[in-house]
């Protein structure tokens, strides 16, 4: 799903030059959607690497007033825990009225609440967004220009969000090859707690479980494709996932409890050697996955 219009920005400021922010920067450069990309990172080595790779044009360890005043779009791509401090800083910087503030955070209600606390209101130039693209690798070294191609980007506008600014952000993502959808922040947080946050936590837990049982010896040498596929995402950035668990905690806890209830049923079926219930579970899950995931991948 691509858009014919291209959202061209003179100056884009990316706060957090890792996988998500770095990939956006590379995509903007590849498609000539930004005249200048400025990267902000507290780690000087990250900025050096980003400039060497051509990810950013200019790097800085803080967002200064002069940089903020020049920005046409500011994209937050730090771990969620850093968002409140960045928003408090932005609230006291001389931003242009036309400057769009957007982000790649995974817990949208938290982002909106943090903005409201910093600004005293939710400004119309805030366009909350969440690109549903990533990989188990992190950091600017893993950034790639085509990361967002054929991936969804969810935009969760508030009642105050300027419609034209929202459209410009949507156009930008479409120009990078993404499929853009809009939903409420609350629905976003519920859906992705179930489909993204829960699987990541389960992957971390499974690896940790085996790692905590030395009586199994070097158990990881016996893992095959199924284990590697299931736990691949346990190599994701732990800081990012700690913050997601903290700041979408209500929805994640709900789905962990739902999973625990299903796990209890499986334990009972295994202990009872209930072949009918086990087959019903496995066959139903296979049919659902084949219908909703496998067939869509083939089309």
Foldseek 3Di string as FASTA:
>chain_A
DFDPDAQAEAEEEEEDQKAVSLLLLLQCVVLVRYNFYEYEALDPVLVVVCVVVVSGDYYDPDCDQVNQQRAQEYEYEDFPVCLLVVLLVNLPHNHDPNRAYEYAAQQPVSNQVSNCVNNVHRAQRYWYKHWPFDFLDMTNVNYHNLRQAATEMEIADDPSHDPVSNVNVVNNSSSSRHHYDYDHSVVSLLVCLQVPLQLQVVLLVVVVVVVPDCVCPPVVVPDDDVNCVSNRNPSHDPSNSVSSCVNSVVSNVVNVVVVVVVVVVVVVCVVVVVVVVVVVVVVVVVVVCCVPPVVVVVD
